[in-house]
Amino acid sequence: MAPEPVDIWAMADLVKPFAVRTVATLRVADIVRDRPVALEEIAKRSEAQADPLGRLLRYLVQHGMFTEPEPDVFGPNAASRELESDSPSGTREWLDLDGAVGRADLAFVELIEQVRGHHPAYRAAFGRSFWEDLAHSAQLSDSFDDLMETKSSTLAPVVADELDWDRFGRVADIGGGKGVLIDAILQRYPDVRGMVVDLAGPALNADEYLRSRGLRDRVEVVTGSFFDPLPDSADAYVLSDVLGDWDDEDAIRILARCAEAAGADGSVLIIELLPGAPEAFTEMDLRMMIYVGGRMRDLDRTDRIASAAGLFVAAVTRVSGGYGIIECLPDR
């Protein structure tokens, strides 16, 4: 059976993606969610210019997003509702060009330069690295933390359910943000104690969040970096969606710090997207390369960096969403 022909022009299209991201950033779907609204009013409330905004909206109407029941009046439809701020999908926040990830996507215009080996795409686009950008902008930093929390809120219950966490007396989530994963584990396993290690801002958020969850007396919150020595008081050290942000050299450094803290009897657990769903995996691999110079890894490559850090892959538990929990033990 012959393969279906590929529509190259559809694959290469930049118009629709930028049109959708622009109205997502301007929150147009929120403005028209209840009824059709006149263009001038939409422009005023979105702090945009009416003429170019109208041309943008007419284009999107022709492609199935929004309606135009009368000239210069635009209303909602099923597609635009996906961009409303309270949509369960959370799509708008990921596409927001003023947010950390939406902004980072703009660095793809420099993909050719990174592939040619001239310079990292993100730095070429914005003059500094992704992490430097977050450090210089509270808005970007808060946006990134919110998006990671949303992502963790989906993954954490699955991870908590799929592994027998009560074989560990204390679990440390390294780079654990506000503590969403530790919360999920400790809520399910009342005899387990926890630890969250992260930089000052996330650590402060973790203190507040875990206190609100009634867990503060069971969790130690430590301010620190995973490139520095870690507390050695846990039985398991978890790196959830961490290693993909870093190249192999830095990933080995992070794993070595965890292995050092875990000692001869501890475990290091890596939670990352695996290539079971090739389309999602390869897209995320490109995103990590462009955003932060990182990479996604299959099990063979993960095993190699683990070995370089003095560990070996002892078990792999696959969970929904294409993720895996990779348990590493000391390579004696």
C-alpha atoms as a PDB file:
ATOM      1  CA  MET A   1       0.000   0.000   0.000  1.00  0.00           C
ATOM      2  CA  ALA A   2       1.485   3.322  -1.068  1.00  0.00           C
ATOM      3  CA  PRO A   3       2.060   5.888   1.691  1.00  0.00           C
ATOM      4  CA  GLU A   4      -0.205   8.908   1.749  1.00  0.00           C
ATOM      5  CA  PRO A   5       1.360  11.954   0.076  1.00  0.00           C
ATOM      6  CA  VAL A   6       2.824  14.558   2.394  1.00  0.00           C
ATOM      7  CA  ASP A   7       1.514  18.110   2.093  1.00  0.00           C
ATOM      8  CA  ILE A   8       4.822  19.978   2.256  1.00  0.00           C
ATOM      9  CA  TRP A   9       3.178  23.399   2.179  1.00  0.00           C
ATOM     10  CA  ALA A  10       1.020  22.507   5.170  1.00  0.00           C
ATOM     11  CA  MET A  11       4.094  21.244   7.030  1.00  0.00           C
ATOM     12  CA  ALA A  12       6.037  24.411   6.217  1.00  0.00           C
ATOM     13  CA  ASP A  13       3.230  26.878   6.980  1.00  0.00           C
ATOM     14  CA  LEU A  14       4.146  29.662   9.407  1.00  0.00           C
ATOM     15  CA  VAL A  15       1.063  31.837   8.951  1.00  0.00           C
ATOM     16  CA  LYS A  16      -1.479  29.856  10.967  1.00  0.00           C
ATOM     17  CA  PRO A  17       0.874  29.117  13.894  1.00  0.00           C
ATOM     18  CA  PHE A  18       1.778  32.780  14.342  1.00  0.00           C
ATOM     19  CA  ALA A  19      -1.818  33.906  13.841  1.00  0.00           C
ATOM     20  CA  VAL A  20      -3.056  31.520  16.547  1.00  0.00           C
ATOM     21  CA  ARG A  21      -0.239  32.439  18.936  1.00  0.00           C
ATOM     22  CA  THR A  22      -0.932  36.144  18.464  1.00  0.00           C
ATOM     23  CA  VAL A  23      -4.614  35.902  19.389  1.00  0.00           C
ATOM     24  CA  ALA A  24      -3.677  33.597  22.279  1.00  0.00           C
ATOM     25  CA  THR A  25      -1.281  36.238  23.596  1.00  0.00           C
ATOM     26  CA  LEU A  26      -3.884  38.983  23.188  1.00  0.00           C
ATOM     27  CA  ARG A  27      -6.509  36.815  24.977  1.00  0.00           C
ATOM     28  CA  VAL A  28      -9.053  37.456  22.231  1.00  0.00           C
ATOM     29  CA  ALA A  29     -10.903  34.215  23.028  1.00  0.00           C
ATOM     30  CA  ASP A  30     -11.580  35.500  26.553  1.00  0.00           C
ATOM     31  CA  ILE A  31     -12.959  38.785  25.205  1.00  0.00           C
ATOM     32  CA  VAL A  32     -15.492  37.156  22.851  1.00  0.00           C
ATOM     33  CA  ARG A  33     -16.297  34.084  24.955  1.00  0.00           C
ATOM     34  CA  ASP A  34     -19.859  35.121  25.888  1.00  0.00           C
ATOM     35  CA  ARG A  35     -21.057  36.855  22.715  1.00  0.00           C
ATOM     36  CA  PRO A  36     -19.874  38.421  19.472  1.00  0.00           C
ATOM     37  CA  VAL A  37     -17.969  41.668  20.105  1.00  0.00           C
ATOM     38  CA  ALA A  38     -17.242  44.595  17.789  1.00  0.00           C
ATOM     39  CA  LEU A  39     -13.706  44.788  16.450  1.00  0.00           C
ATOM     40  CA  GLU A  40     -13.042  48.210  17.981  1.00  0.00           C
ATOM     41  CA  GLU A  41     -13.953  46.883  21.425  1.00  0.00           C
ATOM     42  CA  ILE A  42     -11.791  43.777  20.978  1.00  0.00           C
ATOM     43  CA  ALA A  43      -8.872  45.982  19.940  1.00  0.00           C
ATOM     44  CA  LYS A  44      -9.345  48.290  22.915  1.00  0.00           C
ATOM     45  CA  ARG A  45      -9.540  45.462  25.442  1.00  0.00           C
ATOM     46  CA  SER A  46      -6.582  43.571  23.950  1.00  0.00           C
ATOM     47  CA  GLU A  47      -4.476  46.746  23.599  1.00  0.00           C
ATOM     48  CA  ALA A  48      -4.091  46.158  19.865  1.00  0.00           C
ATOM     49  CA  GLN A  49      -4.696  48.142  16.693  1.00  0.00           C
ATOM     50  CA  ALA A  50      -8.084  47.522  15.117  1.00  0.00           C
ATOM     51  CA  ASP A  51      -7.101  47.311  11.428  1.00  0.00           C
ATOM     52  CA  PRO A  52      -4.328  44.669  11.682  1.00  0.00           C
ATOM     53  CA  LEU A  53      -6.271  42.775  14.349  1.00  0.00           C
ATOM     54  CA  GLY A  54      -9.334  42.650  12.075  1.00  0.00           C
ATOM     55  CA  ARG A  55      -7.270  41.298   9.202  1.00  0.00           C
ATOM     56  CA  LEU A  56      -5.815  38.659  11.519  1.00  0.00           C
ATOM     57  CA  LEU A  57      -9.249  37.616  12.811  1.00  0.00           C
ATOM     58  CA  ARG A  58     -10.736  37.390   9.313  1.00  0.00           C
ATOM     59  CA  TYR A  59      -7.914  35.067   8.330  1.00  0.00           C
ATOM     60  CA  LEU A  60      -8.577  32.845  11.348  1.00  0.00           C
ATOM     61  CA  VAL A  61     -12.318  32.793  10.643  1.00  0.00           C
ATOM     62  CA  GLN A  62     -11.505  31.375   7.217  1.00  0.00           C
ATOM     63  CA  HIS A  63      -9.508  28.628   8.905  1.00  0.00           C
ATOM     64  CA  GLY A  64     -12.168  27.630  11.418  1.00  0.00           C
ATOM     65  CA  MET A  65     -11.360  29.769  14.461  1.00  0.00           C
ATOM     66  CA  PHE A  66     -13.854  32.453  15.642  1.00  0.00           C
ATOM     67  CA  THR A  67     -16.943  33.567  13.732  1.00  0.00           C
ATOM     68  CA  GLU A  68     -17.829  36.838  11.991  1.00  0.00           C
ATOM     69  CA  PRO A  69     -21.641  37.028  12.148  1.00  0.00           C
ATOM     70  CA  GLU A  70     -21.571  40.540  10.688  1.00  0.00           C
ATOM     71  CA  PRO A  71     -18.777  42.744   9.335  1.00  0.00           C
ATOM     72  CA  ASP A  72     -16.224  43.740  12.002  1.00  0.00           C
ATOM     73  CA  VAL A  73     -17.968  41.723  14.710  1.00  0.00           C
ATOM     74  CA  PHE A  74     -16.309  38.522  15.921  1.00  0.00           C
ATOM     75  CA  GLY A  75     -17.612  35.734  18.121  1.00  0.00           C
ATOM     76  CA  PRO A  76     -16.583  32.410  19.652  1.00  0.00           C
ATOM     77  CA  ASN A  77     -16.717  28.870  18.344  1.00  0.00           C
ATOM     78  CA  ALA A  78     -15.434  25.472  19.479  1.00  0.00           C
ATOM     79  CA  ALA A  79     -11.904  26.172  18.239  1.00  0.00           C
ATOM     80  CA  SER A  80     -11.599  29.552  19.965  1.00  0.00           C
ATOM     81  CA  ARG A  81     -12.807  28.065  23.246  1.00  0.00           C
ATOM     82  CA  GLU A  82      -9.608  26.023  23.365  1.00  0.00           C
ATOM     83  CA  LEU A  83      -7.776  29.347  23.758  1.00  0.00           C
ATOM     84  CA  GLU A  84      -9.852  30.621  26.675  1.00  0.00           C
ATOM     85  CA  SER A  85      -7.725  31.119  29.779  1.00  0.00           C
ATOM     86  CA  ASP A  86      -9.748  28.672  31.867  1.00  0.00           C
ATOM     87  CA  SER A  87      -9.887  25.932  29.230  1.00  0.00           C
ATOM     88  CA  PRO A  88      -9.006  22.564  30.807  1.00  0.00           C
ATOM     89  CA  SER A  89      -6.399  22.033  28.085  1.00  0.00           C
ATOM     90  CA  GLY A  90      -4.330  25.008  29.292  1.00  0.00           C
ATOM     91  CA  THR A  91      -3.413  25.647  25.662  1.00  0.00           C
ATOM     92  CA  ARG A  92      -3.378  29.442  25.821  1.00  0.00           C
ATOM     93  CA  GLU A  93      -0.595  29.600  28.407  1.00  0.00           C
ATOM     94  CA  TRP A  94       1.682  27.335  26.343  1.00  0.00           C
ATOM     95  CA  LEU A  95       1.172  29.487  23.219  1.00  0.00           C
ATOM     96  CA  ASP A  96       1.400  32.891  24.936  1.00  0.00           C
ATOM     97  CA  LEU A  97       4.244  34.783  23.232  1.00  0.00           C
ATOM     98  CA  ASP A  98       4.755  36.787  26.424  1.00  0.00           C
ATOM     99  CA  GLY A  99       5.276  33.585  28.418  1.00  0.00           C
ATOM    100  CA  ALA A 100       8.433  31.533  28.818  1.00  0.00           C
ATOM    101  CA  VAL A 101       7.615  28.672  26.442  1.00  0.00           C
ATOM    102  CA  GLY A 102       5.753  30.698  23.808  1.00  0.00           C
ATOM    103  CA  ARG A 103       8.685  33.110  23.697  1.00  0.00           C
ATOM    104  CA  ALA A 104      11.164  30.239  23.508  1.00  0.00           C
ATOM    105  CA  ASP A 105       9.363  28.864  20.453  1.00  0.00           C
ATOM    106  CA  LEU A 106      10.335  32.044  18.593  1.00  0.00           C
ATOM    107  CA  ALA A 107      13.947  30.872  18.753  1.00  0.00           C
ATOM    108  CA  PHE A 108      13.122  28.266  16.100  1.00  0.00           C
ATOM    109  CA  VAL A 109      13.750  30.994  13.519  1.00  0.00           C
ATOM    110  CA  GLU A 110      17.439  30.439  14.368  1.00  0.00           C
ATOM    111  CA  LEU A 111      17.281  26.645  13.926  1.00  0.00           C
ATOM    112  CA  ILE A 112      19.328  26.786  10.719  1.00  0.00           C
ATOM    113  CA  GLU A 113      22.164  28.580  12.508  1.00  0.00           C
ATOM    114  CA  GLN A 114      22.270  26.008  15.308  1.00  0.00           C
ATOM    115  CA  VAL A 115      22.212  23.118  12.838  1.00  0.00           C
ATOM    116  CA  ARG A 116      25.099  24.738  10.950  1.00  0.00           C
ATOM    117  CA  GLY A 117      26.977  24.951  14.243  1.00  0.00           C
ATOM    118  CA  HIS A 118      27.205  28.741  14.240  1.00  0.00           C
ATOM    119  CA  HIS A 119      25.520  29.518  17.570  1.00  0.00           C
ATOM    120  CA  PRO A 120      22.784  28.317  19.959  1.00  0.00           C
ATOM    121  CA  ALA A 121      19.382  29.321  18.636  1.00  0.00           C
ATOM    122  CA  TYR A 122      17.931  30.828  21.826  1.00  0.00           C
ATOM    123  CA  ARG A 123      20.941  33.027  22.524  1.00  0.00           C
ATOM    124  CA  ALA A 124      20.985  34.148  18.893  1.00  0.00           C
ATOM    125  CA  ALA A 125      17.310  35.125  19.084  1.00  0.00           C
ATOM    126  CA  PHE A 126      17.330  36.874  22.469  1.00  0.00           C
ATOM    127  CA  GLY A 127      20.930  37.722  23.352  1.00  0.00           C
ATOM    128  CA  ARG A 128      21.174  35.417  26.370  1.00  0.00           C
ATOM    129  CA  SER A 129      20.380  31.854  27.357  1.00  0.00           C
ATOM    130  CA  PHE A 130      16.937  30.611  28.391  1.00  0.00           C
ATOM    131  CA  TRP A 131      17.999  30.323  32.038  1.00  0.00           C
ATOM    132  CA  GLU A 132      19.535  33.822  31.967  1.00  0.00           C
ATOM    133  CA  ASP A 133      16.270  35.134  30.528  1.00  0.00           C
ATOM    134  CA  LEU A 134      14.311  33.622  33.412  1.00  0.00           C
ATOM    135  CA  ALA A 135      16.750  35.098  35.914  1.00  0.00           C
ATOM    136  CA  HIS A 136      16.304  38.568  34.371  1.00  0.00           C
ATOM    137  CA  SER A 137      12.503  38.512  34.108  1.00  0.00           C
ATOM    138  CA  ALA A 138      10.099  37.720  36.932  1.00  0.00           C
ATOM    139  CA  GLN A 139       7.292  37.490  34.367  1.00  0.00           C
ATOM    140  CA  LEU A 140       9.082  34.796  32.362  1.00  0.00           C
ATOM    141  CA  SER A 141      10.201  32.977  35.499  1.00  0.00           C
ATOM    142  CA  ASP A 142       6.678  32.941  36.951  1.00  0.00           C
ATOM    143  CA  SER A 143       5.259  31.808  33.612  1.00  0.00           C
ATOM    144  CA  PHE A 144       7.752  28.940  33.408  1.00  0.00           C
ATOM    145  CA  ASP A 145       7.049  27.842  36.988  1.00  0.00           C
ATOM    146  CA  ASP A 146       3.294  27.889  36.334  1.00  0.00           C
ATOM    147  CA  LEU A 147       3.642  25.805  33.165  1.00  0.00           C
ATOM    148  CA  MET A 148       5.894  23.268  34.876  1.00  0.00           C
ATOM    149  CA  GLU A 149       3.410  23.045  37.736  1.00  0.00           C
ATOM    150  CA  THR A 150       0.611  22.342  35.247  1.00  0.00           C
ATOM    151  CA  LYS A 151       2.708  19.646  33.607  1.00  0.00           C
ATOM    152  CA  SER A 152       3.686  18.133  36.975  1.00  0.00           C
ATOM    153  CA  SER A 153       0.078  18.102  38.152  1.00  0.00           C
ATOM    154  CA  THR A 154      -0.766  15.731  35.312  1.00  0.00           C
ATOM    155  CA  LEU A 155       2.303  13.513  35.645  1.00  0.00           C
ATOM    156  CA  ALA A 156       2.684  13.349  39.431  1.00  0.00           C
ATOM    157  CA  PRO A 157      -0.404  11.238  40.276  1.00  0.00           C
ATOM    158  CA  VAL A 158       0.564   8.715  37.597  1.00  0.00           C
ATOM    159  CA  VAL A 159       4.118   8.445  38.921  1.00  0.00           C
ATOM    160  CA  ALA A 160       2.863   8.105  42.494  1.00  0.00           C
ATOM    161  CA  ASP A 161       0.517   5.276  41.466  1.00  0.00           C
ATOM    162  CA  GLU A 162       2.917   3.294  39.291  1.00  0.00           C
ATOM    163  CA  LEU A 163       5.770   2.708  41.747  1.00  0.00           C
ATOM    164  CA  ASP A 164       5.929   1.158  45.204  1.00  0.00           C
ATOM    165  CA  TRP A 165       7.262   4.273  46.935  1.00  0.00           C
ATOM    166  CA  ASP A 166       6.882   2.965  50.459  1.00  0.00           C
ATOM    167  CA  ARG A 167      10.035   0.866  50.068  1.00  0.00           C
ATOM    168  CA  PHE A 168      11.855   4.176  50.538  1.00  0.00           C
ATOM    169  CA  GLY A 169      11.803   5.814  53.946  1.00  0.00           C
ATOM    170  CA  ARG A 170      12.578   9.252  52.533  1.00  0.00           C
ATOM    171  CA  VAL A 171      12.245  10.467  48.937  1.00  0.00           C
ATOM    172  CA  ALA A 172      14.107  13.568  47.732  1.00  0.00           C
ATOM    173  CA  ASP A 173      12.808  15.403  44.660  1.00  0.00           C
ATOM    174  CA  ILE A 174      15.819  17.204  43.195  1.00  0.00           C
ATOM    175  CA  GLY A 175      14.818  20.298  41.227  1.00  0.00           C
ATOM    176  CA  GLY A 176      11.325  19.572  42.502  1.00  0.00           C
ATOM    177  CA  GLY A 177       9.820  23.049  42.148  1.00  0.00           C
ATOM    178  CA  LYS A 178       6.946  23.694  44.535  1.00  0.00           C
ATOM    179  CA  GLY A 179       6.688  20.024  45.496  1.00  0.00           C
ATOM    180  CA  VAL A 180       3.804  18.712  43.376  1.00  0.00           C
ATOM    181  CA  LEU A 181       5.397  15.269  42.924  1.00  0.00           C
ATOM    182  CA  ILE A 182       6.379  14.895  46.584  1.00  0.00           C
ATOM    183  CA  ASP A 183       2.843  15.908  47.519  1.00  0.00           C
ATOM    184  CA  ALA A 184       1.365  13.165  45.304  1.00  0.00           C
ATOM    185  CA  ILE A 185       3.722  10.522  46.709  1.00  0.00           C
ATOM    186  CA  LEU A 186       3.258  11.455  50.360  1.00  0.00           C
ATOM    187  CA  GLN A 187      -0.497  11.737  50.087  1.00  0.00           C
ATOM    188  CA  ARG A 188      -0.599   8.162  48.791  1.00  0.00           C
ATOM    189  CA  TYR A 189       2.041   6.765  51.183  1.00  0.00           C
ATOM    190  CA  PRO A 190       1.531   8.174  54.699  1.00  0.00           C
ATOM    191  CA  ASP A 191       4.657   6.502  56.135  1.00  0.00           C
ATOM    192  CA  VAL A 192       7.053   8.052  53.599  1.00  0.00           C
ATOM    193  CA  ARG A 193       8.873  11.293  54.339  1.00  0.00           C
ATOM    194  CA  GLY A 194      10.045  13.724  51.687  1.00  0.00           C
ATOM    195  CA  MET A 195      12.553  16.354  50.693  1.00  0.00           C
ATOM    196  CA  VAL A 196      12.475  19.022  47.984  1.00  0.00           C
ATOM    197  CA  VAL A 197      15.721  20.601  46.773  1.00  0.00           C
ATOM    198  CA  ASP A 198      15.568  23.613  44.470  1.00  0.00           C
ATOM    199  CA  LEU A 199      16.736  27.189  44.063  1.00  0.00           C
ATOM    200  CA  ALA A 200      15.556  29.936  46.420  1.00  0.00           C
ATOM    201  CA  GLY A 201      12.384  30.984  44.556  1.00  0.00           C
ATOM    202  CA  PRO A 202      10.955  27.487  44.003  1.00  0.00           C
ATOM    203  CA  ALA A 203      12.027  26.434  47.511  1.00  0.00           C
ATOM    204  CA  LEU A 204      10.004  29.294  49.001  1.00  0.00           C
ATOM    205  CA  ASN A 205       6.999  28.251  46.912  1.00  0.00           C
ATOM    206  CA  ALA A 206       7.471  24.649  48.055  1.00  0.00           C
ATOM    207  CA  ASP A 207       7.435  25.695  51.687  1.00  0.00           C
ATOM    208  CA  GLU A 208       4.124  27.499  51.212  1.00  0.00           C
ATOM    209  CA  TYR A 209       2.535  24.846  49.004  1.00  0.00           C
ATOM    210  CA  LEU A 210       3.448  21.854  51.171  1.00  0.00           C
ATOM    211  CA  ARG A 211       2.278  23.714  54.255  1.00  0.00           C
ATOM    212  CA  SER A 212      -1.076  24.309  52.555  1.00  0.00           C
ATOM    213  CA  ARG A 213      -1.246  20.591  51.762  1.00  0.00           C
ATOM    214  CA  GLY A 214      -0.717  19.625  55.390  1.00  0.00           C
ATOM    215  CA  LEU A 215       2.646  18.011  54.675  1.00  0.00           C
ATOM    216  CA  ARG A 216       5.167  20.515  55.962  1.00  0.00           C
ATOM    217  CA  ASP A 217       6.037  18.383  59.000  1.00  0.00           C
ATOM    218  CA  ARG A 218       6.877  15.429  56.702  1.00  0.00           C
ATOM    219  CA  VAL A 219       8.944  17.296  54.110  1.00  0.00           C
ATOM    220  CA  GLU A 220      12.299  19.034  54.402  1.00  0.00           C
ATOM    221  CA  VAL A 221      12.688  21.931  51.961  1.00  0.00           C
ATOM    222  CA  VAL A 222      16.312  22.625  51.041  1.00  0.00           C
ATOM    223  CA  THR A 223      17.561  25.607  49.039  1.00  0.00           C
ATOM    224  CA  GLY A 224      20.301  24.467  46.708  1.00  0.00           C
ATOM    225  CA  SER A 225      21.440  23.536  43.209  1.00  0.00           C
ATOM    226  CA  PHE A 226      21.700  20.030  41.782  1.00  0.00           C
ATOM    227  CA  PHE A 227      25.187  20.927  40.581  1.00  0.00           C
ATOM    228  CA  ASP A 228      26.325  21.239  44.215  1.00  0.00           C
ATOM    229  CA  PRO A 229      26.580  18.559  46.934  1.00  0.00           C
ATOM    230  CA  LEU A 230      23.131  17.326  47.985  1.00  0.00           C
ATOM    231  CA  PRO A 231      21.861  16.263  51.419  1.00  0.00           C
ATOM    232  CA  ASP A 232      22.673  12.586  51.994  1.00  0.00           C
ATOM    233  CA  SER A 233      19.677  11.818  54.204  1.00  0.00           C
ATOM    234  CA  ALA A 234      17.298  10.306  51.608  1.00  0.00           C
ATOM    235  CA  ASP A 235      16.863   6.760  50.317  1.00  0.00           C
ATOM    236  CA  ALA A 236      15.765   7.764  46.825  1.00  0.00           C
ATOM    237  CA  TYR A 237      16.729  10.806  44.742  1.00  0.00           C
ATOM    238  CA  VAL A 238      14.252  11.728  42.009  1.00  0.00           C
ATOM    239  CA  LEU A 239      15.015  13.768  38.894  1.00  0.00           C
ATOM    240  CA  SER A 240      11.666  14.430  37.205  1.00  0.00           C
ATOM    241  CA  ASP A 241      11.815  16.224  33.841  1.00  0.00           C
ATOM    242  CA  VAL A 242      15.263  17.539  34.758  1.00  0.00           C
ATOM    243  CA  LEU A 243      17.904  15.782  32.674  1.00  0.00           C
ATOM    244  CA  GLY A 244      16.296  16.655  29.329  1.00  0.00           C
ATOM    245  CA  ASP A 245      17.143  20.307  30.030  1.00  0.00           C
ATOM    246  CA  TRP A 246      20.871  19.573  29.914  1.00  0.00           C
ATOM    247  CA  ASP A 247      23.514  18.209  27.560  1.00  0.00           C
ATOM    248  CA  ASP A 248      25.250  14.945  28.407  1.00  0.00           C
ATOM    249  CA  GLU A 249      28.125  16.573  30.277  1.00  0.00           C
ATOM    250  CA  ASP A 250      25.851  18.507  32.637  1.00  0.00           C
ATOM    251  CA  ALA A 251      23.403  15.601  32.970  1.00  0.00           C
ATOM    252  CA  ILE A 252      26.286  13.409  34.156  1.00  0.00           C
ATOM    253  CA  ARG A 253      27.259  16.068  36.707  1.00  0.00           C
ATOM    254  CA  ILE A 254      23.684  16.139  38.052  1.00  0.00           C
ATOM    255  CA  LEU A 255      23.477  12.347  38.218  1.00  0.00           C
ATOM    256  CA  ALA A 256      26.876  12.162  39.936  1.00  0.00           C
ATOM    257  CA  ARG A 257      25.660  14.527  42.660  1.00  0.00           C
ATOM    258  CA  CYS A 258      22.594  12.313  43.193  1.00  0.00           C
ATOM    259  CA  ALA A 259      24.715   9.153  43.214  1.00  0.00           C
ATOM    260  CA  GLU A 260      27.092  10.742  45.711  1.00  0.00           C
ATOM    261  CA  ALA A 261      24.209  11.610  48.047  1.00  0.00           C
ATOM    262  CA  ALA A 262      22.453   8.253  47.596  1.00  0.00           C
ATOM    263  CA  GLY A 263      25.566   6.334  48.602  1.00  0.00           C
ATOM    264  CA  ALA A 264      25.932   2.568  48.421  1.00  0.00           C
ATOM    265  CA  ASP A 265      22.355   1.748  49.433  1.00  0.00           C
ATOM    266  CA  GLY A 266      20.271   4.476  47.789  1.00  0.00           C
ATOM    267  CA  SER A 267      18.466   4.768  44.453  1.00  0.00           C
ATOM    268  CA  VAL A 268      18.372   7.471  41.799  1.00  0.00           C
ATOM    269  CA  LEU A 269      15.123   7.650  39.810  1.00  0.00           C
ATOM    270  CA  ILE A 270      14.980   9.438  36.466  1.00  0.00           C
ATOM    271  CA  ILE A 271      11.530  10.389  35.174  1.00  0.00           C
ATOM    272  CA  GLU A 272      11.671  11.419  31.529  1.00  0.00           C
ATOM    273  CA  LEU A 273       9.812  11.103  28.245  1.00  0.00           C
ATOM    274  CA  LEU A 274      10.898   7.973  26.361  1.00  0.00           C
ATOM    275  CA  PRO A 275      10.759   7.314  22.597  1.00  0.00           C
ATOM    276  CA  GLY A 276       7.701   5.060  22.753  1.00  0.00           C
ATOM    277  CA  ALA A 277       5.759   7.806  20.953  1.00  0.00           C
ATOM    278  CA  PRO A 278       8.331   8.873  18.321  1.00  0.00           C
ATOM    279  CA  GLU A 279       6.527  12.010  17.129  1.00  0.00           C
ATOM    280  CA  ALA A 280       6.233  13.491  20.630  1.00  0.00           C
ATOM    281  CA  PHE A 281       9.737  12.383  21.581  1.00  0.00           C
ATOM    282  CA  THR A 282      11.474  13.825  18.524  1.00  0.00           C
ATOM    283  CA  GLU A 283       9.555  17.103  18.806  1.00  0.00           C
ATOM    284  CA  MET A 284      10.516  17.449  22.460  1.00  0.00           C
ATOM    285  CA  ASP A 285      14.117  16.636  21.563  1.00  0.00           C
ATOM    286  CA  LEU A 286      14.171  19.555  19.117  1.00  0.00           C
ATOM    287  CA  ARG A 287      12.557  21.847  21.678  1.00  0.00           C
ATOM    288  CA  MET A 288      15.150  20.965  24.311  1.00  0.00           C
ATOM    289  CA  MET A 289      17.939  21.595  21.813  1.00  0.00           C
ATOM    290  CA  ILE A 290      16.543  24.996  20.840  1.00  0.00           C
ATOM    291  CA  TYR A 291      15.433  26.199  24.263  1.00  0.00           C
ATOM    292  CA  VAL A 292      18.277  25.122  26.523  1.00  0.00           C
ATOM    293  CA  GLY A 293      20.818  23.071  24.569  1.00  0.00           C
ATOM    294  CA  GLY A 294      19.490  19.889  26.179  1.00  0.00           C
ATOM    295  CA  ARG A 295      18.310  16.626  24.673  1.00  0.00           C
ATOM    296  CA  MET A 296      15.876  13.773  25.145  1.00  0.00           C
ATOM    297  CA  ARG A 297      17.441  10.330  25.606  1.00  0.00           C
ATOM    298  CA  ASP A 298      16.457   6.777  24.849  1.00  0.00           C
ATOM    299  CA  LEU A 299      17.287   4.043  27.355  1.00  0.00           C
ATOM    300  CA  ASP A 300      20.668   3.278  25.800  1.00  0.00           C
ATOM    301  CA  ARG A 301      21.834   6.872  26.059  1.00  0.00           C
ATOM    302  CA  THR A 302      20.402   7.178  29.568  1.00  0.00           C
ATOM    303  CA  ASP A 303      22.309   4.053  30.549  1.00  0.00           C
ATOM    304  CA  ARG A 304      25.536   5.577  29.186  1.00  0.00           C
ATOM    305  CA  ILE A 305      25.225   8.807  31.171  1.00  0.00           C
ATOM    306  CA  ALA A 306      24.192   6.854  34.263  1.00  0.00           C
ATOM    307  CA  SER A 307      27.282   4.669  33.910  1.00  0.00           C
ATOM    308  CA  ALA A 308      29.482   7.745  33.598  1.00  0.00           C
ATOM    309  CA  ALA A 309      28.007   8.936  36.917  1.00  0.00           C
ATOM    310  CA  GLY A 310      28.720   5.616  38.659  1.00  0.00           C
ATOM    311  CA  LEU A 311      25.206   4.144  38.273  1.00  0.00           C
ATOM    312  CA  PHE A 312      23.481   1.445  36.249  1.00  0.00           C
ATOM    313  CA  VAL A 313      19.874   1.147  35.082  1.00  0.00           C
ATOM    314  CA  ALA A 314      18.255  -1.509  37.278  1.00  0.00           C
ATOM    315  CA  ALA A 315      14.595  -1.201  36.275  1.00  0.00           C
ATOM    316  CA  VAL A 316      12.291   0.751  33.965  1.00  0.00           C
ATOM    317  CA  THR A 317       8.599   1.365  34.668  1.00  0.00           C
ATOM    318  CA  ARG A 318       6.674   2.817  31.753  1.00  0.00           C
ATOM    319  CA  VAL A 319       3.765   5.101  32.600  1.00  0.00           C
ATOM    320  CA  SER A 320       1.097   6.867  30.568  1.00  0.00           C
ATOM    321  CA  GLY A 321       1.975   9.830  28.396  1.00  0.00           C
ATOM    322  CA  GLY A 322       5.125   8.162  27.075  1.00  0.00           C
ATOM    323  CA  TYR A 323       7.077   8.672  30.290  1.00  0.00           C
ATOM    324  CA  GLY A 324       9.268   6.180  32.072  1.00  0.00           C
ATOM    325  CA  ILE A 325      10.554   5.853  35.635  1.00  0.00           C
ATOM    326  CA  ILE A 326      14.162   4.697  35.303  1.00  0.00           C
ATOM    327  CA  GLU A 327      15.598   3.383  38.545  1.00  0.00           C
ATOM    328  CA  CYS A 328      19.382   3.520  38.826  1.00  0.00           C
ATOM    329  CA  LEU A 329      21.560   1.882  41.471  1.00  0.00           C
ATOM    330  CA  PRO A 330      25.241   2.271  42.374  1.00  0.00           C
ATOM    331  CA  ASP A 331      27.518   0.460  39.935  1.00  0.00           C
ATOM    332  CA  ARG A 332      29.741  -1.328  42.434  1.00  0.00           C
END
